[in-house]
């Protein structure tokens, strides 16, 4: 895993919401902001500083627009945790189509982490579902100011 992927541990914050939590993530581009949103979700479930990047998993998602793509990417990450208890300390998008050519937006990513272990990892808040409620993607030139999915 690259150092830039690990640095994304800093590119998110949490915002309270009545029924949900919002992960406010940002990056130099959509790729970085989407990666940060994924890492922010995993960090909400456990302290990622205790997670090692010993294993890798493929994460693939498609959507009909950018919001739908972000929703499905986070949903695939949540499924990875729900099915394998796999926690990603870093997520790296290795190929993508954020332009929607051929009618589909897509990302192919790698999640670096390990299986959750109660003896080593702290128990954060369980995330039951990803929501599109108040989801926003704010583009500022080449940079992405915010990606705000609800958890």
N, C-alpha and C. Protein backbone atom coordinates (compact mmCIF):
# COMPACT_ATOMS: atom_id res chain seq x y z
N UNK A 1 0.85 -1.18 0.00
CA UNK A 1 0.00 0.00 0.00
C UNK A 1 0.90 1.24 0.00
N UNK A 2 0.48 2.24 -0.77
CA UNK A 2 1.30 3.44 -0.89
C UNK A 2 1.15 4.35 0.32
N UNK A 3 2.14 5.18 0.55
CA UNK A 3 2.07 6.13 1.67
C UNK A 3 0.94 7.13 1.46
N UNK A 4 0.67 7.51 0.20
CA UNK A 4 -0.41 8.47 -0.05
C UNK A 4 -1.76 7.88 0.33
N UNK A 5 -1.94 6.58 0.15
CA UNK A 5 -3.19 5.94 0.57
C UNK A 5 -3.31 5.95 2.10
N UNK A 6 -2.22 5.72 2.79
CA UNK A 6 -2.25 5.77 4.26
C UNK A 6 -2.46 7.19 4.76
N UNK A 7 -1.98 8.18 4.03
CA UNK A 7 -2.16 9.57 4.43
C UNK A 7 -3.63 9.99 4.41
N UNK A 8 -4.47 9.26 3.68
CA UNK A 8 -5.88 9.62 3.60
C UNK A 8 -6.60 9.40 4.92
N UNK A 9 -5.92 8.83 5.90
CA UNK A 9 -6.50 8.72 7.24
C UNK A 9 -6.83 10.10 7.79
N UNK A 10 -6.25 11.13 7.24
CA UNK A 10 -6.47 12.49 7.72
C UNK A 10 -7.51 13.26 6.92
N UNK A 11 -8.01 12.74 5.83
CA UNK A 11 -8.85 13.51 4.92
C UNK A 11 -10.35 13.30 5.10
N UNK A 12 -10.79 13.22 6.35
CA UNK A 12 -12.22 13.11 6.62
C UNK A 12 -12.51 13.61 8.04
N UNK A 13 -13.78 13.90 8.25
CA UNK A 13 -14.27 14.25 9.59
C UNK A 13 -15.72 13.79 9.66
N UNK A 14 -16.25 13.75 10.86
CA UNK A 14 -17.63 13.31 11.05
C UNK A 14 -18.51 14.49 11.40
N UNK A 15 -19.71 14.48 10.84
CA UNK A 15 -20.70 15.50 11.14
C UNK A 15 -21.94 14.80 11.66
N UNK A 16 -22.45 15.30 12.76
CA UNK A 16 -23.64 14.70 13.36
C UNK A 16 -24.88 14.96 12.51
N UNK A 17 -25.81 14.03 12.62
CA UNK A 17 -27.10 14.12 11.96
C UNK A 17 -28.10 13.44 12.87
N UNK A 18 -29.34 13.82 12.78
CA UNK A 18 -30.36 13.29 13.69
C UNK A 18 -30.35 11.77 13.78
N UNK A 19 -30.39 11.09 12.65
CA UNK A 19 -30.47 9.63 12.67
C UNK A 19 -29.22 8.95 12.12
N UNK A 20 -28.35 9.72 11.50
CA UNK A 20 -27.19 9.14 10.84
C UNK A 20 -25.93 9.87 11.29
N UNK A 21 -24.83 9.45 10.75
CA UNK A 21 -23.60 10.24 10.83
C UNK A 21 -23.19 10.53 9.39
N UNK A 22 -22.63 11.68 9.17
CA UNK A 22 -22.16 12.05 7.84
C UNK A 22 -20.63 12.05 7.87
N UNK A 23 -20.03 11.35 6.90
CA UNK A 23 -18.59 11.39 6.73
C UNK A 23 -18.30 12.49 5.72
N UNK A 24 -17.64 13.53 6.16
CA UNK A 24 -17.23 14.61 5.26
C UNK A 24 -15.79 14.30 4.85
N UNK A 25 -15.61 13.95 3.58
CA UNK A 25 -14.28 13.55 3.08
C UNK A 25 -13.88 14.48 1.95
N UNK A 26 -12.59 14.64 1.75
CA UNK A 26 -12.11 15.52 0.69
C UNK A 26 -10.83 14.96 0.09
N UNK A 27 -10.45 15.53 -1.05
CA UNK A 27 -9.23 15.10 -1.72
C UNK A 27 -8.86 16.05 -2.83
N UNK A 28 -7.70 15.81 -3.41
CA UNK A 28 -7.24 16.64 -4.53
C UNK A 28 -8.05 16.38 -5.79
N UNK A 29 -8.74 15.24 -5.82
CA UNK A 29 -9.58 14.87 -6.95
C UNK A 29 -10.66 13.91 -6.45
N UNK A 30 -11.54 13.49 -7.35
CA UNK A 30 -12.61 12.56 -6.96
C UNK A 30 -12.06 11.26 -6.41
N UNK A 31 -11.03 10.76 -7.04
CA UNK A 31 -10.41 9.51 -6.59
C UNK A 31 -10.02 9.61 -5.11
N UNK A 32 -9.29 10.65 -4.76
CA UNK A 32 -8.85 10.83 -3.39
C UNK A 32 -10.00 11.02 -2.42
N UNK A 33 -11.01 11.78 -2.83
CA UNK A 33 -12.16 12.01 -1.96
C UNK A 33 -12.96 10.72 -1.74
N UNK A 34 -13.15 9.92 -2.78
CA UNK A 34 -13.86 8.65 -2.64
C UNK A 34 -13.07 7.70 -1.73
N UNK A 35 -11.76 7.64 -1.93
CA UNK A 35 -10.93 6.78 -1.06
C UNK A 35 -11.05 7.23 0.39
N UNK A 36 -11.02 8.52 0.62
CA UNK A 36 -11.12 9.05 1.99
C UNK A 36 -12.47 8.75 2.61
N UNK A 37 -13.54 8.80 1.83
CA UNK A 37 -14.87 8.47 2.35
C UNK A 37 -14.92 7.01 2.82
N UNK A 38 -14.31 6.12 2.06
CA UNK A 38 -14.27 4.71 2.46
C UNK A 38 -13.49 4.52 3.75
N UNK A 39 -12.32 5.15 3.83
CA UNK A 39 -11.50 5.04 5.03
C UNK A 39 -12.23 5.64 6.23
N UNK A 40 -12.92 6.76 6.01
CA UNK A 40 -13.69 7.37 7.09
C UNK A 40 -14.77 6.46 7.62
N UNK A 41 -15.42 5.71 6.72
CA UNK A 41 -16.44 4.77 7.15
C UNK A 41 -15.83 3.67 8.02
N UNK A 42 -14.74 3.09 7.57
CA UNK A 42 -14.10 2.03 8.35
C UNK A 42 -13.60 2.56 9.70
N UNK A 43 -13.07 3.78 9.71
CA UNK A 43 -12.57 4.35 10.95
C UNK A 43 -13.69 4.58 11.97
N UNK A 44 -14.90 4.81 11.49
CA UNK A 44 -16.05 4.98 12.38
C UNK A 44 -16.37 3.67 13.11
N UNK A 45 -16.04 2.55 12.47
CA UNK A 45 -16.31 1.23 13.06
C UNK A 45 -15.21 0.77 14.00
N UNK A 46 -13.97 1.21 13.78
CA UNK A 46 -12.84 0.82 14.63
C UNK A 46 -11.69 1.81 14.43
N UNK A 47 -10.83 1.91 15.40
CA UNK A 47 -9.66 2.79 15.31
C UNK A 47 -8.67 2.19 14.31
N UNK A 48 -8.53 2.84 13.16
CA UNK A 48 -7.70 2.29 12.09
C UNK A 48 -6.21 2.32 12.39
N UNK A 49 -5.78 3.08 13.39
CA UNK A 49 -4.35 3.06 13.73
C UNK A 49 -3.94 1.71 14.29
N UNK A 50 -4.90 0.90 14.69
CA UNK A 50 -4.62 -0.45 15.20
C UNK A 50 -4.74 -1.53 14.13
N UNK A 51 -5.12 -1.13 12.93
CA UNK A 51 -5.33 -2.08 11.83
C UNK A 51 -4.08 -2.12 10.96
N UNK A 52 -3.61 -3.32 10.69
CA UNK A 52 -2.44 -3.49 9.82
C UNK A 52 -2.89 -3.76 8.39
N UNK A 53 -2.03 -3.44 7.44
CA UNK A 53 -2.36 -3.63 6.02
C UNK A 53 -1.75 -4.93 5.51
N UNK A 54 -2.05 -6.01 6.19
CA UNK A 54 -1.44 -7.31 5.86
C UNK A 54 -2.12 -8.04 4.71
N UNK A 55 -3.40 -7.73 4.44
CA UNK A 55 -4.15 -8.41 3.38
C UNK A 55 -4.77 -7.39 2.44
N UNK A 56 -5.19 -7.84 1.28
CA UNK A 56 -5.81 -6.96 0.29
C UNK A 56 -7.07 -7.62 -0.25
N UNK A 57 -8.08 -6.80 -0.53
CA UNK A 57 -9.32 -7.27 -1.12
C UNK A 57 -9.68 -6.37 -2.30
N UNK A 58 -10.29 -6.96 -3.31
CA UNK A 58 -10.79 -6.19 -4.46
C UNK A 58 -12.16 -5.62 -4.10
N UNK A 59 -12.36 -4.37 -4.48
CA UNK A 59 -13.64 -3.70 -4.26
C UNK A 59 -14.02 -3.04 -5.59
N UNK A 60 -15.16 -3.43 -6.14
CA UNK A 60 -15.61 -2.92 -7.43
C UNK A 60 -17.02 -2.36 -7.29
N UNK A 61 -17.26 -1.24 -7.94
CA UNK A 61 -18.59 -0.63 -7.86
C UNK A 61 -18.91 0.08 -9.17
N UNK A 62 -20.22 0.14 -9.47
CA UNK A 62 -20.73 0.87 -10.63
C UNK A 62 -21.92 1.70 -10.18
N UNK A 63 -22.17 2.77 -10.92
CA UNK A 63 -23.33 3.61 -10.63
C UNK A 63 -23.78 4.35 -11.86
N UNK A 64 -24.99 4.92 -11.80
CA UNK A 64 -25.51 5.66 -12.96
C UNK A 64 -25.13 7.14 -12.90
N UNK A 65 -24.60 7.60 -11.75
CA UNK A 65 -24.05 8.95 -11.62
C UNK A 65 -23.04 8.91 -10.47
N UNK A 66 -22.41 10.04 -10.15
CA UNK A 66 -21.37 10.05 -9.12
C UNK A 66 -21.90 9.69 -7.74
N UNK A 67 -23.08 10.20 -7.38
CA UNK A 67 -23.65 9.88 -6.07
C UNK A 67 -23.96 8.39 -5.96
N UNK A 68 -24.54 7.85 -7.02
CA UNK A 68 -24.87 6.42 -7.03
C UNK A 68 -23.60 5.58 -6.95
N UNK A 69 -22.56 6.03 -7.63
CA UNK A 69 -21.27 5.33 -7.58
C UNK A 69 -20.70 5.35 -6.17
N UNK A 70 -20.71 6.50 -5.52
CA UNK A 70 -20.21 6.59 -4.15
C UNK A 70 -21.02 5.70 -3.22
N UNK A 71 -22.34 5.73 -3.37
CA UNK A 71 -23.20 4.87 -2.57
C UNK A 71 -22.80 3.40 -2.72
N UNK A 72 -22.65 2.96 -3.96
CA UNK A 72 -22.34 1.54 -4.21
C UNK A 72 -20.92 1.18 -3.75
N UNK A 73 -19.99 2.10 -3.88
CA UNK A 73 -18.63 1.84 -3.39
C UNK A 73 -18.64 1.64 -1.88
N UNK A 74 -19.30 2.54 -1.15
CA UNK A 74 -19.38 2.39 0.30
C UNK A 74 -20.16 1.15 0.69
N UNK A 75 -21.21 0.84 -0.06
CA UNK A 75 -22.00 -0.35 0.22
C UNK A 75 -21.16 -1.62 0.02
N UNK A 76 -20.31 -1.64 -1.00
CA UNK A 76 -19.41 -2.79 -1.21
C UNK A 76 -18.41 -2.90 -0.06
N UNK A 77 -17.91 -1.78 0.43
CA UNK A 77 -17.01 -1.80 1.58
C UNK A 77 -17.72 -2.33 2.82
N UNK A 78 -18.95 -1.88 3.03
CA UNK A 78 -19.73 -2.36 4.17
C UNK A 78 -20.03 -3.85 4.04
N UNK A 79 -20.30 -4.31 2.82
CA UNK A 79 -20.53 -5.74 2.59
C UNK A 79 -19.27 -6.54 2.91
N UNK A 80 -18.12 -6.01 2.56
CA UNK A 80 -16.85 -6.67 2.86
C UNK A 80 -16.69 -6.87 4.37
N UNK A 81 -17.05 -5.86 5.14
CA UNK A 81 -16.99 -6.00 6.59
C UNK A 81 -18.07 -6.97 7.08
N UNK A 82 -19.27 -6.86 6.56
CA UNK A 82 -20.37 -7.72 7.00
C UNK A 82 -20.17 -9.19 6.66
N UNK A 83 -19.52 -9.47 5.55
CA UNK A 83 -19.35 -10.86 5.11
C UNK A 83 -18.06 -11.50 5.61
N UNK A 84 -17.00 -10.70 5.78
CA UNK A 84 -15.70 -11.25 6.18
C UNK A 84 -15.12 -10.61 7.43
N UNK A 85 -15.80 -9.61 7.97
CA UNK A 85 -15.26 -8.79 9.07
C UNK A 85 -13.92 -8.17 8.68
N UNK A 86 -13.76 -7.89 7.40
CA UNK A 86 -12.52 -7.30 6.90
C UNK A 86 -12.60 -5.79 7.05
N UNK A 87 -11.60 -5.20 7.69
CA UNK A 87 -11.53 -3.76 7.92
C UNK A 87 -10.38 -3.19 7.08
N UNK A 88 -10.67 -2.17 6.29
CA UNK A 88 -9.66 -1.55 5.44
C UNK A 88 -9.06 -0.33 6.13
N UNK A 89 -7.77 -0.35 6.32
CA UNK A 89 -7.06 0.83 6.82
C UNK A 89 -6.81 1.82 5.68
N UNK A 90 -6.68 1.30 4.48
CA UNK A 90 -6.48 2.13 3.30
C UNK A 90 -7.29 1.56 2.14
N UNK A 91 -7.80 2.45 1.31
CA UNK A 91 -8.50 2.06 0.09
C UNK A 91 -7.85 2.84 -1.04
N UNK A 92 -7.50 2.13 -2.10
CA UNK A 92 -6.81 2.74 -3.23
C UNK A 92 -7.56 2.40 -4.52
N UNK A 93 -8.07 3.41 -5.18
CA UNK A 93 -8.75 3.20 -6.47
C UNK A 93 -7.68 3.03 -7.54
N UNK A 94 -7.70 1.87 -8.20
CA UNK A 94 -6.67 1.55 -9.18
C UNK A 94 -7.11 1.87 -10.61
N UNK A 95 -8.41 1.89 -10.86
CA UNK A 95 -8.92 2.34 -12.15
C UNK A 95 -10.33 2.87 -11.92
N UNK A 96 -10.73 3.80 -12.78
CA UNK A 96 -12.03 4.42 -12.58
C UNK A 96 -12.53 5.06 -13.86
N UNK A 97 -13.84 5.29 -13.89
CA UNK A 97 -14.47 6.11 -14.91
C UNK A 97 -15.43 7.02 -14.18
N UNK A 98 -14.98 8.24 -13.90
CA UNK A 98 -15.81 9.23 -13.24
C UNK A 98 -16.57 10.10 -14.25
N UNK A 99 -16.36 9.85 -15.53
CA UNK A 99 -16.99 10.67 -16.56
C UNK A 99 -18.33 10.09 -17.02
N UNK A 100 -18.57 8.83 -16.74
CA UNK A 100 -19.82 8.21 -17.14
C UNK A 100 -19.87 7.80 -18.60
N UNK A 101 -18.70 7.64 -19.21
CA UNK A 101 -18.68 7.17 -20.60
C UNK A 101 -19.33 5.80 -20.66
N UNK A 102 -19.99 5.50 -21.75
CA UNK A 102 -20.71 4.24 -21.94
C UNK A 102 -21.86 4.10 -20.96
N UNK A 103 -22.33 5.22 -20.39
CA UNK A 103 -23.51 5.19 -19.53
C UNK A 103 -23.29 4.68 -18.12
N UNK A 104 -22.06 4.38 -17.74
CA UNK A 104 -21.80 3.87 -16.39
C UNK A 104 -20.59 4.57 -15.79
N UNK A 105 -20.71 4.86 -14.52
CA UNK A 105 -19.58 5.33 -13.72
C UNK A 105 -19.07 4.10 -12.98
N UNK A 106 -17.76 3.97 -12.81
CA UNK A 106 -17.25 2.77 -12.14
C UNK A 106 -15.93 3.04 -11.43
N UNK A 107 -15.65 2.24 -10.42
CA UNK A 107 -14.34 2.22 -9.75
C UNK A 107 -13.95 0.78 -9.48
N UNK A 108 -12.67 0.53 -9.62
CA UNK A 108 -12.05 -0.72 -9.22
C UNK A 108 -11.00 -0.33 -8.19
N UNK A 109 -11.13 -0.87 -7.00
CA UNK A 109 -10.25 -0.45 -5.90
C UNK A 109 -9.68 -1.66 -5.18
N UNK A 110 -8.69 -1.36 -4.36
CA UNK A 110 -8.10 -2.37 -3.47
C UNK A 110 -8.25 -1.85 -2.04
N UNK A 111 -8.70 -2.73 -1.17
CA UNK A 111 -8.79 -2.40 0.25
C UNK A 111 -7.68 -3.13 0.99
N UNK A 112 -6.87 -2.38 1.74
CA UNK A 112 -5.75 -2.95 2.48
C UNK A 112 -6.09 -2.95 3.96
N UNK A 113 -6.02 -4.11 4.58
CA UNK A 113 -6.34 -4.19 6.00
C UNK A 113 -6.24 -5.61 6.51
N UNK A 114 -7.15 -5.93 7.42
CA UNK A 114 -7.14 -7.26 8.03
C UNK A 114 -8.51 -7.56 8.62
N UNK A 115 -8.69 -8.80 9.03
CA UNK A 115 -9.93 -9.22 9.67
C UNK A 115 -10.02 -8.63 11.07
N UNK A 116 -11.20 -8.11 11.40
CA UNK A 116 -11.42 -7.52 12.73
C UNK A 116 -11.20 -8.57 13.81
N UNK A 117 -10.46 -8.18 14.84
CA UNK A 117 -10.14 -9.07 15.97
C UNK A 117 -10.43 -8.31 17.26
N UNK A 118 -11.35 -8.80 18.08
CA UNK A 118 -11.74 -8.10 19.32
C UNK A 118 -10.57 -7.89 20.28
N UNK A 119 -9.60 -8.76 20.25
CA UNK A 119 -8.46 -8.63 21.16
C UNK A 119 -7.55 -7.46 20.78
N UNK A 120 -7.52 -7.10 19.50
CA UNK A 120 -6.61 -6.04 19.04
C UNK A 120 -7.31 -4.77 18.59
N UNK A 121 -8.53 -4.88 18.14
CA UNK A 121 -9.23 -3.73 17.55
C UNK A 121 -10.35 -3.25 18.47
N UNK A 122 -10.47 -1.94 18.58
CA UNK A 122 -11.54 -1.36 19.39
C UNK A 122 -12.87 -1.44 18.63
N UNK A 123 -13.94 -1.57 19.39
CA UNK A 123 -15.28 -1.63 18.80
C UNK A 123 -15.83 -0.22 18.70
N UNK A 124 -16.03 0.26 17.50
CA UNK A 124 -16.63 1.58 17.29
C UNK A 124 -18.13 1.44 17.17
N UNK A 125 -18.72 2.23 16.32
CA UNK A 125 -20.17 2.20 16.12
C UNK A 125 -20.49 1.34 14.91
N UNK A 126 -21.47 0.46 15.07
CA UNK A 126 -21.90 -0.40 13.98
C UNK A 126 -22.61 0.44 12.92
N UNK A 127 -22.29 0.18 11.67
CA UNK A 127 -22.96 0.83 10.55
C UNK A 127 -23.85 -0.22 9.91
N UNK A 128 -25.14 0.04 9.89
CA UNK A 128 -26.08 -0.93 9.35
C UNK A 128 -26.34 -0.75 7.87
N UNK A 129 -26.24 0.49 7.39
CA UNK A 129 -26.54 0.74 5.98
C UNK A 129 -25.95 2.09 5.56
N UNK A 130 -25.73 2.22 4.27
CA UNK A 130 -25.33 3.48 3.66
C UNK A 130 -26.62 4.16 3.19
N UNK A 131 -26.71 5.47 3.36
CA UNK A 131 -27.89 6.18 2.87
C UNK A 131 -27.46 7.28 1.90
N UNK A 132 -28.38 7.63 1.03
CA UNK A 132 -28.12 8.73 0.10
C UNK A 132 -28.71 10.04 0.64
N UNK A 133 -29.33 9.96 1.82
CA UNK A 133 -29.94 11.14 2.43
C UNK A 133 -28.87 12.21 2.67
N UNK A 134 -29.06 13.38 2.09
CA UNK A 134 -28.14 14.51 2.19
C UNK A 134 -26.74 14.21 1.63
N UNK A 135 -26.62 13.21 0.75
CA UNK A 135 -25.33 12.95 0.11
C UNK A 135 -25.03 14.07 -0.87
N UNK A 136 -23.82 14.59 -0.79
CA UNK A 136 -23.38 15.66 -1.67
C UNK A 136 -21.97 15.39 -2.16
N UNK A 137 -21.69 15.85 -3.37
CA UNK A 137 -20.33 15.85 -3.90
C UNK A 137 -20.07 17.26 -4.38
N UNK A 138 -19.14 17.95 -3.74
CA UNK A 138 -18.85 19.35 -4.03
C UNK A 138 -17.53 19.47 -4.76
N UNK A 139 -17.59 19.84 -6.03
CA UNK A 139 -16.38 19.98 -6.84
C UNK A 139 -15.93 21.44 -6.83
N UNK A 140 -14.64 21.65 -6.62
CA UNK A 140 -14.05 23.00 -6.65
C UNK A 140 -12.85 22.96 -7.58
N UNK A 141 -13.07 23.20 -8.84
CA UNK A 141 -11.99 23.13 -9.82
C UNK A 141 -11.49 21.70 -9.92
N UNK A 142 -10.20 21.50 -9.80
CA UNK A 142 -9.62 20.16 -9.87
C UNK A 142 -9.76 19.44 -8.54
N UNK A 143 -10.01 20.18 -7.45
CA UNK A 143 -10.10 19.58 -6.12
C UNK A 143 -11.54 19.24 -5.79
N UNK A 144 -11.70 18.34 -4.84
CA UNK A 144 -13.01 17.97 -4.34
C UNK A 144 -13.10 18.49 -2.92
N UNK A 145 -14.00 19.43 -2.70
CA UNK A 145 -14.11 20.02 -1.37
C UNK A 145 -14.79 19.06 -0.40
N UNK A 146 -15.77 18.32 -0.85
CA UNK A 146 -16.44 17.43 0.09
C UNK A 146 -17.21 16.33 -0.59
N UNK A 147 -17.20 15.18 0.05
CA UNK A 147 -18.02 14.04 -0.32
C UNK A 147 -18.72 13.67 0.98
N UNK A 148 -20.04 13.79 1.02
CA UNK A 148 -20.76 13.63 2.28
C UNK A 148 -21.82 12.53 2.20
N UNK A 149 -21.43 11.27 2.34
CA UNK A 149 -22.43 10.21 2.40
C UNK A 149 -22.95 10.06 3.82
N UNK A 150 -24.17 9.60 3.94
CA UNK A 150 -24.72 9.29 5.25
C UNK A 150 -24.50 7.83 5.59
N UNK A 151 -24.20 7.58 6.85
CA UNK A 151 -24.00 6.20 7.32
C UNK A 151 -25.05 5.89 8.36
